[in-house]
Amino acid sequence: MADQRRLIDDLLDRKPEAAQMIKDIFENNRKLADCAYHDFSINLTPERVVGRRWQCARCGGEIDDRDKMWYERGIKHERNKGAGNHEQSRGSKAAD
């Protein structure tokens, strides 16, 4: 951990643009962590088919396509679990 901190400090001293990137990452992570329920409905890159970025309409945090897919899959699974939908066993090839 101390080595990581030293590496980050060294990078920040040499590259102001890297410092801003790290600050932006920390701020984005804070937004996402503080949000009770995300709504990733804002497509920040509508011109793309692959590699899109999404913004939460509630907190302003941003994620990529893959993170959005896993977040939404987790929400769906939790809803199904709450509804008593337990027919899909571990290792099942049933679609989500």
PDB file of N, CA and C in Angstrom:
ATOM      1  N   MET A   1       0.827  -1.200   0.000  1.00  0.00           N
ATOM      2  CA  MET A   1       0.000   0.000   0.000  1.00  0.00           C
ATOM      3  C   MET A   1       0.868   1.259   0.000  1.00  0.00           C
ATOM      4  N   ALA A   2       1.914   1.248   0.804  1.00  0.00           N
ATOM      5  CA  ALA A   2       2.804   2.415   0.857  1.00  0.00           C
ATOM      6  C   ALA A   2       3.503   2.608  -0.485  1.00  0.00           C
ATOM      7  N   ASP A   3       3.866   1.485  -1.135  1.00  0.00           N
ATOM      8  CA  ASP A   3       4.505   1.584  -2.449  1.00  0.00           C
ATOM      9  C   ASP A   3       3.561   2.180  -3.478  1.00  0.00           C
ATOM     10  N   GLN A   4       2.274   1.789  -3.420  1.00  0.00           N
ATOM     11  CA  GLN A   4       1.279   2.356  -4.334  1.00  0.00           C
ATOM     12  C   GLN A   4       1.139   3.852  -4.099  1.00  0.00           C
ATOM     13  N   ARG A   5       1.073   4.242  -2.830  1.00  0.00           N
ATOM     14  CA  ARG A   5       0.915   5.667  -2.499  1.00  0.00           C
ATOM     15  C   ARG A   5       2.110   6.459  -3.004  1.00  0.00           C
ATOM     16  N   ARG A   6       3.315   5.912  -2.830  1.00  0.00           N
ATOM     17  CA  ARG A   6       4.529   6.584  -3.297  1.00  0.00           C
ATOM     18  C   ARG A   6       4.513   6.713  -4.817  1.00  0.00           C
ATOM     19  N   LEU A   7       4.087   5.650  -5.502  1.00  0.00           N
ATOM     20  CA  LEU A   7       3.996   5.674  -6.961  1.00  0.00           C
ATOM     21  C   LEU A   7       3.000   6.731  -7.428  1.00  0.00           C
ATOM     22  N   ILE A   8       1.841   6.787  -6.775  1.00  0.00           N
ATOM     23  CA  ILE A   8       0.823   7.785  -7.127  1.00  0.00           C
ATOM     24  C   ILE A   8       1.350   9.192  -6.866  1.00  0.00           C
ATOM     25  N   ASP A   9       1.979   9.399  -5.710  1.00  0.00           N
ATOM     26  CA  ASP A   9       2.529  10.725  -5.392  1.00  0.00           C
ATOM     27  C   ASP A   9       3.572  11.148  -6.416  1.00  0.00           C
ATOM     28  N   ASP A  10       4.433  10.224  -6.809  1.00  0.00           N
ATOM     29  CA  ASP A  10       5.461  10.525  -7.798  1.00  0.00           C
ATOM     30  C   ASP A  10       4.827  10.886  -9.133  1.00  0.00           C
ATOM     31  N   LEU A  11       3.821  10.134  -9.539  1.00  0.00           N
ATOM     32  CA  LEU A  11       3.120  10.407 -10.794  1.00  0.00           C
ATOM     33  C   LEU A  11       2.457  11.783 -10.741  1.00  0.00           C
ATOM     34  N   LEU A  12       1.835  12.097  -9.623  1.00  0.00           N
ATOM     35  CA  LEU A  12       1.152  13.381  -9.486  1.00  0.00           C
ATOM     36  C   LEU A  12       2.138  14.542  -9.551  1.00  0.00           C
ATOM     37  N   ASP A  13       3.323  14.356  -9.000  1.00  0.00           N
ATOM     38  CA  ASP A  13       4.338  15.409  -9.032  1.00  0.00           C
ATOM     39  C   ASP A  13       4.822  15.688 -10.444  1.00  0.00           C
ATOM     40  N   ARG A  14       4.877  14.646 -11.273  1.00  0.00           N
ATOM     41  CA  ARG A  14       5.436  14.802 -12.619  1.00  0.00           C
ATOM     42  C   ARG A  14       4.407  15.114 -13.688  1.00  0.00           C
ATOM     43  N   LYS A  15       3.173  14.749 -13.492  1.00  0.00           N
ATOM     44  CA  LYS A  15       2.168  14.868 -14.546  1.00  0.00           C
ATOM     45  C   LYS A  15       0.887  15.497 -14.014  1.00  0.00           C
ATOM     46  N   PRO A  16       0.696  16.779 -14.207  1.00  0.00           N
ATOM     47  CA  PRO A  16      -0.523  17.430 -13.718  1.00  0.00           C
ATOM     48  C   PRO A  16      -1.798  16.833 -14.334  1.00  0.00           C
ATOM     49  N   GLU A  17      -1.736  16.406 -15.601  1.00  0.00           N
ATOM     50  CA  GLU A  17      -2.925  15.824 -16.219  1.00  0.00           C
ATOM     51  C   GLU A  17      -3.264  14.471 -15.585  1.00  0.00           C
ATOM     52  N   ALA A  18      -2.239  13.744 -15.156  1.00  0.00           N
ATOM     53  CA  ALA A  18      -2.487  12.483 -14.454  1.00  0.00           C
ATOM     54  C   ALA A  18      -3.141  12.747 -13.109  1.00  0.00           C
ATOM     55  N   ALA A  19      -2.714  13.818 -12.458  1.00  0.00           N
ATOM     56  CA  ALA A  19      -3.310  14.186 -11.172  1.00  0.00           C
ATOM     57  C   ALA A  19      -4.797  14.456 -11.329  1.00  0.00           C
ATOM     58  N   GLN A  20      -5.171  15.155 -12.392  1.00  0.00           N
ATOM     59  CA  GLN A  20      -6.581  15.443 -12.636  1.00  0.00           C
ATOM     60  C   GLN A  20      -7.355  14.162 -12.936  1.00  0.00           C
ATOM     61  N   MET A  21      -6.758  13.261 -13.689  1.00  0.00           N
ATOM     62  CA  MET A  21      -7.415  11.989 -13.988  1.00  0.00           C
ATOM     63  C   MET A  21      -7.682  11.205 -12.706  1.00  0.00           C
ATOM     64  N   ILE A  22      -6.708  11.156 -11.830  1.00  0.00           N
ATOM     65  CA  ILE A  22      -6.867  10.418 -10.570  1.00  0.00           C
ATOM     66  C   ILE A  22      -7.942  11.077  -9.707  1.00  0.00           C
ATOM     67  N   LYS A  23      -7.944  12.390  -9.652  1.00  0.00           N
ATOM     68  CA  LYS A  23      -8.993  13.095  -8.903  1.00  0.00           C
ATOM     69  C   LYS A  23     -10.374  12.780  -9.475  1.00  0.00           C
ATOM     70  N   ASP A  24     -10.477  12.763 -10.813  1.00  0.00           N
ATOM     71  CA  ASP A  24     -11.754  12.464 -11.464  1.00  0.00           C
ATOM     72  C   ASP A  24     -12.215  11.036 -11.153  1.00  0.00           C
ATOM     73  N   ILE A  25     -11.269  10.105 -11.142  1.00  0.00           N
ATOM     74  CA  ILE A  25     -11.604   8.715 -10.819  1.00  0.00           C
ATOM     75  C   ILE A  25     -12.118   8.615  -9.394  1.00  0.00           C
ATOM     76  N   PHE A  26     -11.418   9.241  -8.457  1.00  0.00           N
ATOM     77  CA  PHE A  26     -11.853   9.204  -7.058  1.00  0.00           C
ATOM     78  C   PHE A  26     -13.222   9.856  -6.879  1.00  0.00           C
ATOM     79  N   GLU A  27     -13.456  10.955  -7.570  1.00  0.00           N
ATOM     80  CA  GLU A  27     -14.744  11.647  -7.474  1.00  0.00           C
ATOM     81  C   GLU A  27     -15.865  10.781  -8.060  1.00  0.00           C
ATOM     82  N   ASN A  28     -15.598  10.136  -9.187  1.00  0.00           N
ATOM     83  CA  ASN A  28     -16.591   9.259  -9.799  1.00  0.00           C
ATOM     84  C   ASN A  28     -16.913   8.087  -8.864  1.00  0.00           C
ATOM     85  N   ASN A  29     -15.879   7.493  -8.280  1.00  0.00           N
ATOM     86  CA  ASN A  29     -16.096   6.384  -7.346  1.00  0.00           C
ATOM     87  C   ASN A  29     -16.906   6.833  -6.135  1.00  0.00           C
ATOM     88  N   ARG A  30     -16.665   8.043  -5.648  1.00  0.00           N
ATOM     89  CA  ARG A  30     -17.418   8.564  -4.504  1.00  0.00           C
ATOM     90  C   ARG A  30     -18.891   8.722  -4.872  1.00  0.00           C
ATOM     91  N   LYS A  31     -19.151   9.299  -6.047  1.00  0.00           N
ATOM     92  CA  LYS A  31     -20.539   9.468  -6.499  1.00  0.00           C
ATOM     93  C   LYS A  31     -21.257   8.127  -6.559  1.00  0.00           C
ATOM     94  N   LEU A  32     -20.605   7.156  -7.181  1.00  0.00           N
ATOM     95  CA  LEU A  32     -21.219   5.842  -7.341  1.00  0.00           C
ATOM     96  C   LEU A  32     -21.460   5.171  -5.988  1.00  0.00           C
ATOM     97  N   ALA A  33     -20.507   5.287  -5.090  1.00  0.00           N
ATOM     98  CA  ALA A  33     -20.635   4.648  -3.772  1.00  0.00           C
ATOM     99  C   ALA A  33     -21.721   5.300  -2.923  1.00  0.00           C
ATOM    100  N   ASP A  34     -21.922   6.590  -3.079  1.00  0.00           N
ATOM    101  CA  ASP A  34     -22.897   7.318  -2.256  1.00  0.00           C
ATOM    102  C   ASP A  34     -24.330   7.213  -2.771  1.00  0.00           C
ATOM    103  N   CYS A  35     -24.514   6.691  -3.968  1.00  0.00           N
ATOM    104  CA  CYS A  35     -25.844   6.625  -4.580  1.00  0.00           C
ATOM    105  C   CYS A  35     -26.581   5.373  -4.099  1.00  0.00           C
ATOM    106  N   ALA A  36     -27.800   5.555  -3.635  1.00  0.00           N
ATOM    107  CA  ALA A  36     -28.591   4.437  -3.101  1.00  0.00           C
ATOM    108  C   ALA A  36     -29.089   3.501  -4.200  1.00  0.00           C
ATOM    109  N   TYR A  37     -29.442   4.047  -5.336  1.00  0.00           N
ATOM    110  CA  TYR A  37     -29.965   3.234  -6.441  1.00  0.00           C
ATOM    111  C   TYR A  37     -29.658   3.949  -7.750  1.00  0.00           C
ATOM    112  N   HIS A  38     -28.947   3.277  -8.638  1.00  0.00           N
ATOM    113  CA  HIS A  38     -28.524   3.911  -9.890  1.00  0.00           C
ATOM    114  C   HIS A  38     -29.580   3.808 -10.989  1.00  0.00           C
ATOM    115  N   ASP A  39     -29.541   4.801 -11.870  1.00  0.00           N
ATOM    116  CA  ASP A  39     -30.368   4.830 -13.077  1.00  0.00           C
ATOM    117  C   ASP A  39     -29.436   5.207 -14.229  1.00  0.00           C
ATOM    118  N   PHE A  40     -28.779   4.202 -14.804  1.00  0.00           N
ATOM    119  CA  PHE A  40     -27.815   4.441 -15.881  1.00  0.00           C
ATOM    120  C   PHE A  40     -28.533   4.567 -17.212  1.00  0.00           C
ATOM    121  N   SER A  41     -29.316   5.614 -17.350  1.00  0.00           N
ATOM    122  CA  SER A  41     -30.115   5.820 -18.560  1.00  0.00           C
ATOM    123  C   SER A  41     -29.537   6.880 -19.498  1.00  0.00           C
ATOM    124  N   ILE A  42     -28.487   7.550 -19.087  1.00  0.00           N
ATOM    125  CA  ILE A  42     -27.911   8.604 -19.923  1.00  0.00           C
ATOM    126  C   ILE A  42     -26.717   8.036 -20.683  1.00  0.00           C
ATOM    127  N   ASN A  43     -26.880   7.904 -21.993  1.00  0.00           N
ATOM    128  CA  ASN A  43     -25.818   7.395 -22.859  1.00  0.00           C
ATOM    129  C   ASN A  43     -24.910   8.561 -23.228  1.00  0.00           C
ATOM    130  N   LEU A  44     -23.683   8.540 -22.706  1.00  0.00           N
ATOM    131  CA  LEU A  44     -22.740   9.626 -22.971  1.00  0.00           C
ATOM    132  C   LEU A  44     -22.045   9.501 -24.318  1.00  0.00           C
ATOM    133  N   THR A  45     -22.149   8.343 -24.945  1.00  0.00           N
ATOM    134  CA  THR A  45     -21.474   8.104 -26.227  1.00  0.00           C
ATOM    135  C   THR A  45     -22.434   7.450 -27.218  1.00  0.00           C
ATOM    136  N   PRO A  46     -23.503   8.137 -27.611  1.00  0.00           N
ATOM    137  CA  PRO A  46     -24.501   7.537 -28.500  1.00  0.00           C
ATOM    138  C   PRO A  46     -23.961   7.192 -29.885  1.00  0.00           C
ATOM    139  N   GLU A  47     -22.845   7.770 -30.261  1.00  0.00           N
ATOM    140  CA  GLU A  47     -22.269   7.481 -31.579  1.00  0.00           C
ATOM    141  C   GLU A  47     -21.584   6.117 -31.614  1.00  0.00           C
ATOM    142  N   ARG A  48     -21.356   5.519 -30.451  1.00  0.00           N
ATOM    143  CA  ARG A  48     -20.678   4.225 -30.380  1.00  0.00           C
ATOM    144  C   ARG A  48     -21.677   3.071 -30.289  1.00  0.00           C
ATOM    145  N   VAL A  49     -21.245   1.927 -30.813  1.00  0.00           N
ATOM    146  CA  VAL A  49     -22.012   0.699 -30.665  1.00  0.00           C
ATOM    147  C   VAL A  49     -21.367  -0.141 -29.555  1.00  0.00           C
ATOM    148  N   VAL A  50     -20.061  -0.121 -29.500  1.00  0.00           N
ATOM    149  CA  VAL A  50     -19.282  -0.851 -28.500  1.00  0.00           C
ATOM    150  C   VAL A  50     -18.478   0.164 -27.705  1.00  0.00           C
ATOM    151  N   GLY A  51     -18.290  -0.111 -26.433  1.00  0.00           N
ATOM    152  CA  GLY A  51     -17.473   0.770 -25.606  1.00  0.00           C
ATOM    153  C   GLY A  51     -18.183   2.032 -25.168  1.00  0.00           C
ATOM    154  N   ARG A  52     -19.482   1.949 -24.996  1.00  0.00           N
ATOM    155  CA  ARG A  52     -20.244   3.130 -24.574  1.00  0.00           C
ATOM    156  C   ARG A  52     -20.003   3.454 -23.107  1.00  0.00           C
ATOM    157  N   ARG A  53     -20.269   4.698 -22.749  1.00  0.00           N
ATOM    158  CA  ARG A  53     -20.201   5.180 -21.373  1.00  0.00           C
ATOM    159  C   ARG A  53     -21.601   5.609 -20.972  1.00  0.00           C
ATOM    160  N   TRP A  54     -21.978   5.293 -19.740  1.00  0.00           N
ATOM    161  CA  TRP A  54     -23.308   5.592 -19.229  1.00  0.00           C
ATOM    162  C   TRP A  54     -23.191   6.409 -17.960  1.00  0.00           C
ATOM    163  N   GLN A  55     -24.126   7.328 -17.774  1.00  0.00           N
ATOM    164  CA  GLN A  55     -24.153   8.169 -16.579  1.00  0.00           C
ATOM    165  C   GLN A  55     -25.423   7.905 -15.790  1.00  0.00           C
ATOM    166  N   CYS A  56     -25.273   7.852 -14.473  1.00  0.00           N
ATOM    167  CA  CYS A  56     -26.433   7.689 -13.601  1.00  0.00           C
ATOM    168  C   CYS A  56     -27.186   9.012 -13.547  1.00  0.00           C
ATOM    169  N   ALA A  57     -28.483   8.950 -13.803  1.00  0.00           N
ATOM    170  CA  ALA A  57     -29.310  10.164 -13.781  1.00  0.00           C
ATOM    171  C   ALA A  57     -29.485  10.688 -12.358  1.00  0.00           C
ATOM    172  N   ARG A  58     -29.213   9.865 -11.365  1.00  0.00           N
ATOM    173  CA  ARG A  58     -29.382  10.276  -9.968  1.00  0.00           C
ATOM    174  C   ARG A  58     -28.121  10.909  -9.381  1.00  0.00           C
ATOM    175  N   CYS A  59     -26.955  10.268  -9.575  1.00  0.00           N
ATOM    176  CA  CYS A  59     -25.736  10.744  -8.901  1.00  0.00           C
ATOM    177  C   CYS A  59     -24.705  11.358  -9.838  1.00  0.00           C
ATOM    178  N   GLY A  60     -24.834  11.128 -11.142  1.00  0.00           N
ATOM    179  CA  GLY A  60     -23.868  11.658 -12.097  1.00  0.00           C
ATOM    180  C   GLY A  60     -22.649  10.774 -12.297  1.00  0.00           C
ATOM    181  N   GLY A  61     -22.575   9.655 -11.569  1.00  0.00           N
ATOM    182  CA  GLY A  61     -21.458   8.733 -11.737  1.00  0.00           C
ATOM    183  C   GLY A  61     -21.504   8.083 -13.111  1.00  0.00           C
ATOM    184  N   GLU A  62     -20.342   7.682 -13.600  1.00  0.00           N
ATOM    185  CA  GLU A  62     -20.232   7.104 -14.934  1.00  0.00           C
ATOM    186  C   GLU A  62     -19.651   5.700 -14.874  1.00  0.00           C
ATOM    187  N   ILE A  63     -20.137   4.832 -15.786  1.00  0.00           N
ATOM    188  CA  ILE A  63     -19.626   3.473 -15.932  1.00  0.00           C
ATOM    189  C   ILE A  63     -19.590   3.119 -17.409  1.00  0.00           C
ATOM    190  N   ASP A  64     -18.955   1.982 -17.717  1.00  0.00           N
ATOM    191  CA  ASP A  64     -18.919   1.523 -19.107  1.00  0.00           C
ATOM    192  C   ASP A  64     -20.006   0.480 -19.344  1.00  0.00           C
ATOM    193  N   ASP A  65     -20.114   0.033 -20.591  1.00  0.00           N
ATOM    194  CA  ASP A  65     -21.137  -0.944 -20.995  1.00  0.00           C
ATOM    195  C   ASP A  65     -21.133  -2.195 -20.132  1.00  0.00           C
ATOM    196  N   ARG A  66     -19.949  -2.738 -19.916  1.00  0.00           N
ATOM    197  CA  ARG A  66     -19.849  -4.000 -19.181  1.00  0.00           C
ATOM    198  C   ARG A  66     -20.314  -3.849 -17.734  1.00  0.00           C
ATOM    199  N   ASP A  67     -19.887  -2.772 -17.088  1.00  0.00           N
ATOM    200  CA  ASP A  67     -20.327  -2.534 -15.709  1.00  0.00           C
ATOM    201  C   ASP A  67     -21.834  -2.326 -15.643  1.00  0.00           C
ATOM    202  N   LYS A  68     -22.396  -1.637 -16.635  1.00  0.00           N
ATOM    203  CA  LYS A  68     -23.844  -1.415 -16.682  1.00  0.00           C
ATOM    204  C   LYS A  68     -24.587  -2.744 -16.829  1.00  0.00           C
ATOM    205  N   MET A  69     -24.078  -3.606 -17.703  1.00  0.00           N
ATOM    206  CA  MET A  69     -24.712  -4.901 -17.915  1.00  0.00           C
ATOM    207  C   MET A  69     -24.714  -5.711 -16.619  1.00  0.00           C
ATOM    208  N   TRP A  70     -23.591  -5.758 -15.917  1.00  0.00           N
ATOM    209  CA  TRP A  70     -23.520  -6.527 -14.674  1.00  0.00           C
ATOM    210  C   TRP A  70     -24.377  -5.906 -13.580  1.00  0.00           C
ATOM    211  N   TYR A  71     -24.412  -4.594 -13.503  1.00  0.00           N
ATOM    212  CA  TYR A  71     -25.264  -3.931 -12.504  1.00  0.00           C
ATOM    213  C   TYR A  71     -26.736  -4.288 -12.754  1.00  0.00           C
ATOM    214  N   GLU A  72     -27.170  -4.154 -13.997  1.00  0.00           N
ATOM    215  CA  GLU A  72     -28.571  -4.435 -14.333  1.00  0.00           C
ATOM    216  C   GLU A  72     -28.896  -5.920 -14.161  1.00  0.00           C
ATOM    217  N   ARG A  73     -27.954  -6.784 -14.456  1.00  0.00           N
ATOM    218  CA  ARG A  73     -28.164  -8.220 -14.248  1.00  0.00           C
ATOM    219  C   ARG A  73     -28.324  -8.506 -12.751  1.00  0.00           C
ATOM    220  N   GLY A  74     -27.524  -7.882 -11.916  1.00  0.00           N
ATOM    221  CA  GLY A  74     -27.636  -8.068 -10.478  1.00  0.00           C
ATOM    222  C   GLY A  74     -28.976  -7.589  -9.939  1.00  0.00           C
ATOM    223  N   ILE A  75     -29.454  -6.445 -10.447  1.00  0.00           N
ATOM    224  CA  ILE A  75     -30.773  -5.933 -10.036  1.00  0.00           C
ATOM    225  C   ILE A  75     -31.858  -6.934 -10.437  1.00  0.00           C
ATOM    226  N   LYS A  76     -31.781  -7.437 -11.664  1.00  0.00           N
ATOM    227  CA  LYS A  76     -32.779  -8.401 -12.155  1.00  0.00           C
ATOM    228  C   LYS A  76     -32.769  -9.673 -11.309  1.00  0.00           C
ATOM    229  N   HIS A  77     -31.588 -10.177 -11.001  1.00  0.00           N
ATOM    230  CA  HIS A  77     -31.486 -11.387 -10.194  1.00  0.00           C
ATOM    231  C   HIS A  77     -32.040 -11.163  -8.793  1.00  0.00           C
ATOM    232  N   GLU A  78     -31.782 -10.028  -8.225  1.00  0.00           N
ATOM    233  CA  GLU A  78     -32.300  -9.729  -6.883  1.00  0.00           C
ATOM    234  C   GLU A  78     -33.821  -9.651  -6.900  1.00  0.00           C
ATOM    235  N   ARG A  79     -34.373  -9.034  -7.933  1.00  0.00           N
ATOM    236  CA  ARG A  79     -35.844  -8.968  -8.056  1.00  0.00           C
ATOM    237  C   ARG A  79     -36.439 -10.364  -8.203  1.00  0.00           C
ATOM    238  N   ASN A  80     -35.812 -11.197  -9.033  1.00  0.00           N
ATOM    239  CA  ASN A  80     -36.296 -12.569  -9.226  1.00  0.00           C
ATOM    240  C   ASN A  80     -36.211 -13.365  -7.930  1.00  0.00           C
ATOM    241  N   LYS A  81     -35.155 -13.166  -7.190  1.00  0.00           N
ATOM    242  CA  LYS A  81     -34.986 -13.853  -5.917  1.00  0.00           C
ATOM    243  C   LYS A  81     -36.088 -13.443  -4.948  1.00  0.00           C
ATOM    244  N   GLY A  82     -36.391 -12.156  -4.911  1.00  0.00           N
ATOM    245  CA  GLY A  82     -37.440 -11.653  -4.031  1.00  0.00           C
ATOM    246  C   GLY A  82     -38.819 -12.130  -4.435  1.00  0.00           C
ATOM    247  N   ALA A  83     -38.993 -12.445  -5.713  1.00  0.00           N
ATOM    248  CA  ALA A  83     -40.291 -12.915  -6.207  1.00  0.00           C
ATOM    249  C   ALA A  83     -40.436 -14.424  -6.078  1.00  0.00           C
ATOM    250  N   GLY A  84     -39.446 -15.075  -5.493  1.00  0.00           N
ATOM    251  CA  GLY A  84     -39.526 -16.522  -5.321  1.00  0.00           C
ATOM    252  C   GLY A  84     -39.146 -17.295  -6.559  1.00  0.00           C
ATOM    253  N   ASN A  85     -38.484 -16.648  -7.507  1.00  0.00           N
ATOM    254  CA  ASN A  85     -38.050 -17.299  -8.743  1.00  0.00           C
ATOM    255  C   ASN A  85     -36.702 -17.972  -8.517  1.00  0.00           C
ATOM    256  N   HIS A  86     -36.702 -19.208  -8.076  1.00  0.00           N
ATOM    257  CA  HIS A  86     -35.461 -19.905  -7.779  1.00  0.00           C
ATOM    258  C   HIS A  86     -35.238 -21.097  -8.697  1.00  0.00           C
ATOM    259  N   GLU A  87     -35.936 -21.164  -9.812  1.00  0.00           N
ATOM    260  CA  GLU A  87     -35.854 -22.341 -10.658  1.00  0.00           C
ATOM    261  C   GLU A  87     -34.507 -22.497 -11.333  1.00  0.00           C
ATOM    262  N   GLN A  88     -33.735 -21.437 -11.485  1.00  0.00           N
ATOM    263  CA  GLN A  88     -32.439 -21.552 -12.148  1.00  0.00           C
ATOM    264  C   GLN A  88     -31.410 -22.022 -11.145  1.00  0.00           C
ATOM    265  N   SER A  89     -30.887 -23.219 -11.380  1.00  0.00           N
ATOM    266  CA  SER A  89     -29.893 -23.773 -10.464  1.00  0.00           C
ATOM    267  C   SER A  89     -28.505 -23.346 -10.861  1.00  0.00           C
ATOM    268  N   ARG A  90     -27.570 -23.543  -9.966  1.00  0.00           N
ATOM    269  CA  ARG A  90     -26.189 -23.185 -10.236  1.00  0.00           C
ATOM    270  C   ARG A  90     -25.684 -24.011 -11.409  1.00  0.00           C
ATOM    271  N   GLY A  91     -25.022 -23.345 -12.337  1.00  0.00           N
ATOM    272  CA  GLY A  91     -24.493 -24.032 -13.492  1.00  0.00           C
ATOM    273  C   GLY A  91     -25.511 -24.202 -14.609  1.00  0.00           C
ATOM    274  N   SER A  92     -26.697 -23.718 -14.408  1.00  0.00           N
ATOM    275  CA  SER A  92     -27.741 -23.830 -15.434  1.00  0.00           C
ATOM    276  C   SER A  92     -27.378 -22.960 -16.615  1.00  0.00           C
ATOM    277  N   LYS A  93     -27.784 -23.396 -17.784  1.00  0.00           N
ATOM    278  CA  LYS A  93     -27.521 -22.625 -18.995  1.00  0.00           C
ATOM    279  C   LYS A  93     -28.701 -21.764 -19.377  1.00  0.00           C
ATOM    280  N   ALA A  94     -29.656 -21.616 -18.479  1.00  0.00           N
ATOM    281  CA  ALA A  94     -30.830 -20.788 -18.771  1.00  0.00           C
ATOM    282  C   ALA A  94     -30.391 -19.341 -18.934  1.00  0.00           C
ATOM    283  N   ALA A  95     -31.063 -18.641 -19.818  1.00  0.00           N
ATOM    284  CA  ALA A  95     -30.760 -17.238 -20.072  1.00  0.00           C
ATOM    285  C   ALA A  95     -31.178 -16.387 -18.903  1.00  0.00           C
ATOM    286  N   ASP A  96     -30.482 -15.261 -18.744  1.00  0.00           N
ATOM    287  CA  ASP A  96     -30.833 -14.303 -17.699  1.00  0.00           C
ATOM    288  C   ASP A  96     -32.144 -13.739 -18.058  1.00  0.00           C
TER     289      ASP A  96
END
